[in-house]
Amino acid sequence: MDRLRECFEELGFENVTTFIASGNVIFSASARDVVALERKIERHLARSLGYDVATFIRSPAELKATAAFEPSEPVAPFEPSGPGQGAESASSLYVVFLAAPADDDLRSRFVASESEMDHFSFSGREIYWHIQGKLTDSPLFGAGLQKVTGDVPTTMRNMTTVRRLVAKLGA
């Protein structure tokens, strides 16, 4: 994370700080063209780190709206079947960040992958993944989600992380 912070400082950004070890960087920039800024950061990170890094910028207001998202339909509780297994009350909400709103094809692939455990909601450049049970128990964990997204660049964060980022930005 120290090297990541240095990369952003090398680009001349101000107030650069990283947040938990998952690639979250908070910074100030005078640029207003977000797409151009994302490409500039991606080029610099590729040169500096030696590999491609998809970059997704969100303003504090956009992050706040993401953190406040509530699904339009309640998600039914997941009840695993099998001997000795009771109802699983644990559930979680993840945010899949995209560069642009999901097109019809991507939406269709997500909807087709829904199960009693996995449900998706779409809003702007985010896809909200509601999981009944543990992330690691989902058939979409790891390579499964990659099959759904295909060549569409994404990054994912737990909603708890998103809300902690918003709280840090408000501090």
C-alpha atoms as a PDB file:
ATOM      1  CA  MET A   1       0.000   0.000   0.000  1.00  0.00           C
ATOM      2  CA  ASP A   2       2.949   2.338   0.567  1.00  0.00           C
ATOM      3  CA  ARG A   3       4.052   1.862  -3.053  1.00  0.00           C
ATOM      4  CA  LEU A   4       0.492   2.454  -4.256  1.00  0.00           C
ATOM      5  CA  ARG A   5       0.322   5.714  -2.285  1.00  0.00           C
ATOM      6  CA  GLU A   6       3.679   6.765  -3.787  1.00  0.00           C
ATOM      7  CA  CYS A   7       2.367   6.087  -7.307  1.00  0.00           C
ATOM      8  CA  PHE A   8      -0.534   8.468  -6.735  1.00  0.00           C
ATOM      9  CA  GLU A   9       1.760  11.098  -5.245  1.00  0.00           C
ATOM     10  CA  GLU A  10       4.025  10.773  -8.320  1.00  0.00           C
ATOM     11  CA  LEU A  11       1.030  11.826 -10.417  1.00  0.00           C
ATOM     12  CA  GLY A  12       0.778  15.049  -8.421  1.00  0.00           C
ATOM     13  CA  PHE A  13      -2.375  14.225  -6.491  1.00  0.00           C
ATOM     14  CA  GLU A  14      -2.859  15.775  -3.072  1.00  0.00           C
ATOM     15  CA  ASN A  15      -4.068  14.395   0.258  1.00  0.00           C
ATOM     16  CA  VAL A  16      -3.166  10.860  -0.828  1.00  0.00           C
ATOM     17  CA  THR A  17      -3.903   8.083   1.633  1.00  0.00           C
ATOM     18  CA  THR A  18      -4.577   4.391   1.254  1.00  0.00           C
ATOM     19  CA  PHE A  19      -7.322   2.568   3.062  1.00  0.00           C
ATOM     20  CA  ILE A  20      -6.959  -1.043   4.151  1.00  0.00           C
ATOM     21  CA  ALA A  21      -4.859  -3.393   2.053  1.00  0.00           C
ATOM     22  CA  SER A  22      -7.239  -3.775  -0.872  1.00  0.00           C
ATOM     23  CA  GLY A  23      -6.226  -1.055  -3.304  1.00  0.00           C
ATOM     24  CA  ASN A  24      -8.426   1.758  -2.003  1.00  0.00           C
ATOM     25  CA  VAL A  25      -6.810   5.159  -2.472  1.00  0.00           C
ATOM     26  CA  ILE A  26      -8.271   8.455  -1.311  1.00  0.00           C
ATOM     27  CA  PHE A  27      -6.880  11.535  -3.042  1.00  0.00           C
ATOM     28  CA  SER A  28      -7.665  15.026  -4.289  1.00  0.00           C
ATOM     29  CA  ALA A  29      -7.338  16.006  -7.935  1.00  0.00           C
ATOM     30  CA  SER A  30      -8.237  19.114  -9.897  1.00  0.00           C
ATOM     31  CA  ALA A  31      -9.112  17.130 -13.049  1.00  0.00           C
ATOM     32  CA  ARG A  32     -12.815  16.921 -13.876  1.00  0.00           C
ATOM     33  CA  ASP A  33     -12.705  14.302 -16.674  1.00  0.00           C
ATOM     34  CA  VAL A  34     -12.997  11.132 -14.590  1.00  0.00           C
ATOM     35  CA  VAL A  35     -12.521   8.725 -17.520  1.00  0.00           C
ATOM     36  CA  ALA A  36      -9.319  10.472 -18.616  1.00  0.00           C
ATOM     37  CA  LEU A  37      -8.124  10.488 -15.006  1.00  0.00           C
ATOM     38  CA  GLU A  38      -8.791   6.749 -14.654  1.00  0.00           C
ATOM     39  CA  ARG A  39      -6.800   6.035 -17.868  1.00  0.00           C
ATOM     40  CA  LYS A  40      -3.926   8.262 -16.669  1.00  0.00           C
ATOM     41  CA  ILE A  41      -3.761   6.380 -13.361  1.00  0.00           C
ATOM     42  CA  GLU A  42      -3.974   2.996 -15.105  1.00  0.00           C
ATOM     43  CA  ARG A  43      -1.086   3.872 -17.459  1.00  0.00           C
ATOM     44  CA  HIS A  44       1.059   5.094 -14.567  1.00  0.00           C
ATOM     45  CA  LEU A  45       0.312   2.046 -12.406  1.00  0.00           C
ATOM     46  CA  ALA A  46       1.112  -0.320 -15.291  1.00  0.00           C
ATOM     47  CA  ARG A  47       4.477   1.406 -15.847  1.00  0.00           C
ATOM     48  CA  SER A  48       5.275   1.625 -12.136  1.00  0.00           C
ATOM     49  CA  LEU A  49       4.064  -1.776 -10.971  1.00  0.00           C
ATOM     50  CA  GLY A  50       4.631  -3.848 -14.092  1.00  0.00           C
ATOM     51  CA  TYR A  51       1.063  -5.072 -14.485  1.00  0.00           C
ATOM     52  CA  ASP A  52      -2.358  -3.724 -15.484  1.00  0.00           C
ATOM     53  CA  VAL A  53      -4.573  -2.307 -12.756  1.00  0.00           C
ATOM     54  CA  ALA A  54      -8.185  -1.483 -13.625  1.00  0.00           C
ATOM     55  CA  THR A  55      -9.087   1.796 -11.930  1.00  0.00           C
ATOM     56  CA  PHE A  56     -12.523   2.904 -10.766  1.00  0.00           C
ATOM     57  CA  ILE A  57     -12.909   6.433  -9.410  1.00  0.00           C
ATOM     58  CA  ARG A  58     -15.864   7.450  -7.288  1.00  0.00           C
ATOM     59  CA  SER A  59     -16.448  10.870  -5.766  1.00  0.00           C
ATOM     60  CA  PRO A  60     -17.314  11.135  -2.072  1.00  0.00           C
ATOM     61  CA  ALA A  61     -20.957  11.781  -3.028  1.00  0.00           C
ATOM     62  CA  GLU A  62     -21.049   8.717  -5.276  1.00  0.00           C
ATOM     63  CA  LEU A  63     -19.526   6.541  -2.536  1.00  0.00           C
ATOM     64  CA  LYS A  64     -22.037   7.884  -0.043  1.00  0.00           C
ATOM     65  CA  ALA A  65     -24.899   6.967  -2.398  1.00  0.00           C
ATOM     66  CA  THR A  66     -23.385   3.505  -2.891  1.00  0.00           C
ATOM     67  CA  ALA A  67     -23.138   2.983   0.873  1.00  0.00           C
ATOM     68  CA  ALA A  68     -26.764   4.064   1.339  1.00  0.00           C
ATOM     69  CA  PHE A  69     -28.126   1.674  -1.288  1.00  0.00           C
ATOM     70  CA  GLU A  70     -31.044  -0.464  -0.147  1.00  0.00           C
ATOM     71  CA  PRO A  71     -32.318  -3.315  -2.314  1.00  0.00           C
ATOM     72  CA  SER A  72     -35.757  -2.755  -3.805  1.00  0.00           C
ATOM     73  CA  GLU A  73     -36.819  -6.308  -2.985  1.00  0.00           C
ATOM     74  CA  PRO A  74     -36.056  -8.149   0.239  1.00  0.00           C
ATOM     75  CA  VAL A  75     -33.825 -11.168  -0.127  1.00  0.00           C
ATOM     76  CA  ALA A  76     -35.309 -14.411   1.187  1.00  0.00           C
ATOM     77  CA  PRO A  77     -33.272 -16.132   3.896  1.00  0.00           C
ATOM     78  CA  PHE A  78     -31.002 -18.905   2.696  1.00  0.00           C
ATOM     79  CA  GLU A  79     -31.626 -22.308   4.220  1.00  0.00           C
ATOM     80  CA  PRO A  80     -28.946 -24.874   3.413  1.00  0.00           C
ATOM     81  CA  SER A  81     -30.173 -28.414   2.991  1.00  0.00           C
ATOM     82  CA  GLY A  82     -28.574 -31.552   4.292  1.00  0.00           C
ATOM     83  CA  PRO A  83     -28.216 -33.484   7.519  1.00  0.00           C
ATOM     84  CA  GLY A  84     -27.599 -31.347  10.582  1.00  0.00           C
ATOM     85  CA  GLN A  85     -27.828 -28.033   8.748  1.00  0.00           C
ATOM     86  CA  GLY A  86     -30.162 -25.378  10.051  1.00  0.00           C
ATOM     87  CA  ALA A  87     -31.099 -22.019   8.644  1.00  0.00           C
ATOM     88  CA  GLU A  88     -28.111 -19.814   7.920  1.00  0.00           C
ATOM     89  CA  SER A  89     -28.738 -16.286   9.119  1.00  0.00           C
ATOM     90  CA  ALA A  90     -25.456 -14.860   7.882  1.00  0.00           C
ATOM     91  CA  SER A  91     -25.743 -12.769   4.773  1.00  0.00           C
ATOM     92  CA  SER A  92     -23.591 -10.140   3.186  1.00  0.00           C
ATOM     93  CA  LEU A  93     -23.695  -7.445   0.589  1.00  0.00           C
ATOM     94  CA  TYR A  94     -20.893  -6.827  -1.877  1.00  0.00           C
ATOM     95  CA  VAL A  95     -20.542  -4.060  -4.426  1.00  0.00           C
ATOM     96  CA  VAL A  96     -19.162  -4.838  -7.872  1.00  0.00           C
ATOM     97  CA  PHE A  97     -17.800  -1.578  -9.292  1.00  0.00           C
ATOM     98  CA  LEU A  98     -17.858  -1.018 -13.060  1.00  0.00           C
ATOM     99  CA  ALA A  99     -16.440   1.702 -15.301  1.00  0.00           C
ATOM    100  CA  ALA A 100     -19.871   2.233 -16.905  1.00  0.00           C
ATOM    101  CA  PRO A 101     -23.415   1.045 -16.161  1.00  0.00           C
ATOM    102  CA  ALA A 102     -23.946  -2.631 -16.936  1.00  0.00           C
ATOM    103  CA  ASP A 103     -25.225  -3.163 -20.461  1.00  0.00           C
ATOM    104  CA  ASP A 104     -28.094  -5.537 -21.230  1.00  0.00           C
ATOM    105  CA  ASP A 105     -25.736  -8.457 -21.917  1.00  0.00           C
ATOM    106  CA  LEU A 106     -23.897  -8.116 -18.605  1.00  0.00           C
ATOM    107  CA  ARG A 107     -27.156  -7.677 -16.707  1.00  0.00           C
ATOM    108  CA  SER A 108     -28.527 -10.820 -18.352  1.00  0.00           C
ATOM    109  CA  ARG A 109     -25.454 -12.830 -17.365  1.00  0.00           C
ATOM    110  CA  PHE A 110     -25.790 -11.712 -13.737  1.00  0.00           C
ATOM    111  CA  VAL A 111     -29.527 -12.413 -13.625  1.00  0.00           C
ATOM    112  CA  ALA A 112     -28.964 -15.853 -15.199  1.00  0.00           C
ATOM    113  CA  SER A 113     -26.468 -16.686 -12.435  1.00  0.00           C
ATOM    114  CA  GLU A 114     -28.877 -15.903  -9.585  1.00  0.00           C
ATOM    115  CA  SER A 115     -29.749 -18.696  -7.190  1.00  0.00           C
ATOM    116  CA  GLU A 116     -31.447 -19.038  -3.830  1.00  0.00           C
ATOM    117  CA  MET A 117     -28.111 -17.888  -2.428  1.00  0.00           C
ATOM    118  CA  ASP A 118     -27.087 -15.133  -4.858  1.00  0.00           C
ATOM    119  CA  HIS A 119     -29.176 -12.121  -5.907  1.00  0.00           C
ATOM    120  CA  PHE A 120     -28.158  -8.988  -7.816  1.00  0.00           C
ATOM    121  CA  SER A 121     -29.405  -5.406  -7.954  1.00  0.00           C
ATOM    122  CA  PHE A 122     -28.227  -2.786 -10.436  1.00  0.00           C
ATOM    123  CA  SER A 123     -27.776   0.917  -9.875  1.00  0.00           C
ATOM    124  CA  GLY A 124     -25.630   3.159 -12.026  1.00  0.00           C
ATOM    125  CA  ARG A 125     -22.084   1.846 -12.256  1.00  0.00           C
ATOM    126  CA  GLU A 126     -22.565  -0.602  -9.399  1.00  0.00           C
ATOM    127  CA  ILE A 127     -23.932  -4.108  -9.100  1.00  0.00           C
ATOM    128  CA  TYR A 128     -24.999  -5.102  -5.607  1.00  0.00           C
ATOM    129  CA  TRP A 129     -24.448  -8.773  -4.803  1.00  0.00           C
ATOM    130  CA  HIS A 130     -26.626 -10.041  -1.963  1.00  0.00           C
ATOM    131  CA  ILE A 131     -25.328 -13.356  -0.629  1.00  0.00           C
ATOM    132  CA  GLN A 132     -27.312 -15.518   1.752  1.00  0.00           C
ATOM    133  CA  GLY A 133     -24.644 -17.436   3.645  1.00  0.00           C
ATOM    134  CA  LYS A 134     -20.897 -16.988   3.342  1.00  0.00           C
ATOM    135  CA  LEU A 135     -19.161 -15.590   0.270  1.00  0.00           C
ATOM    136  CA  THR A 136     -16.946 -18.666   0.077  1.00  0.00           C
ATOM    137  CA  ASP A 137     -20.016 -20.939  -0.082  1.00  0.00           C
ATOM    138  CA  SER A 138     -21.424 -19.167  -3.124  1.00  0.00           C
ATOM    139  CA  PRO A 139     -21.033 -20.983  -6.439  1.00  0.00           C
ATOM    140  CA  LEU A 140     -19.978 -17.599  -7.834  1.00  0.00           C
ATOM    141  CA  PHE A 141     -17.043 -17.200  -5.444  1.00  0.00           C
ATOM    142  CA  GLY A 142     -13.746 -16.755  -7.308  1.00  0.00           C
ATOM    143  CA  ALA A 143     -13.786 -18.064 -10.859  1.00  0.00           C
ATOM    144  CA  GLY A 144     -17.592 -18.205 -10.959  1.00  0.00           C
ATOM    145  CA  LEU A 145     -17.906 -14.432 -10.822  1.00  0.00           C
ATOM    146  CA  GLN A 146     -15.145 -14.076 -13.431  1.00  0.00           C
ATOM    147  CA  LYS A 147     -17.190 -16.249 -15.799  1.00  0.00           C
ATOM    148  CA  VAL A 148     -20.169 -13.923 -15.333  1.00  0.00           C
ATOM    149  CA  THR A 149     -18.202 -10.691 -15.853  1.00  0.00           C
ATOM    150  CA  GLY A 150     -16.111 -12.058 -18.717  1.00  0.00           C
ATOM    151  CA  ASP A 151     -13.798  -9.386 -20.084  1.00  0.00           C
ATOM    152  CA  VAL A 152     -15.594  -6.513 -18.309  1.00  0.00           C
ATOM    153  CA  PRO A 153     -13.153  -4.952 -15.816  1.00  0.00           C
ATOM    154  CA  THR A 154     -14.536  -4.899 -12.270  1.00  0.00           C
ATOM    155  CA  THR A 155     -13.471  -4.597  -8.684  1.00  0.00           C
ATOM    156  CA  MET A 156     -15.466  -5.703  -5.687  1.00  0.00           C
ATOM    157  CA  ARG A 157     -15.749  -4.528  -2.087  1.00  0.00           C
ATOM    158  CA  ASN A 158     -17.782  -5.680   0.867  1.00  0.00           C
ATOM    159  CA  MET A 159     -20.415  -3.083   1.784  1.00  0.00           C
ATOM    160  CA  THR A 160     -18.793  -2.805   5.213  1.00  0.00           C
ATOM    161  CA  THR A 161     -15.597  -1.588   3.519  1.00  0.00           C
ATOM    162  CA  VAL A 162     -17.557   0.902   1.408  1.00  0.00           C
ATOM    163  CA  ARG A 163     -19.256   2.295   4.507  1.00  0.00           C
ATOM    164  CA  ARG A 164     -15.933   2.525   6.337  1.00  0.00           C
ATOM    165  CA  LEU A 165     -14.518   4.470   3.376  1.00  0.00           C
ATOM    166  CA  VAL A 166     -17.452   6.865   3.519  1.00  0.00           C
ATOM    167  CA  ALA A 167     -16.930   7.331   7.253  1.00  0.00           C
ATOM    168  CA  LYS A 168     -13.235   8.057   6.674  1.00  0.00           C
ATOM    169  CA  LEU A 169     -14.094  10.603   3.993  1.00  0.00           C
ATOM    170  CA  GLY A 170     -16.492  12.320   6.382  1.00  0.00           C
ATOM    171  CA  ALA A 171     -13.875  12.558   9.124  1.00  0.00           C
END
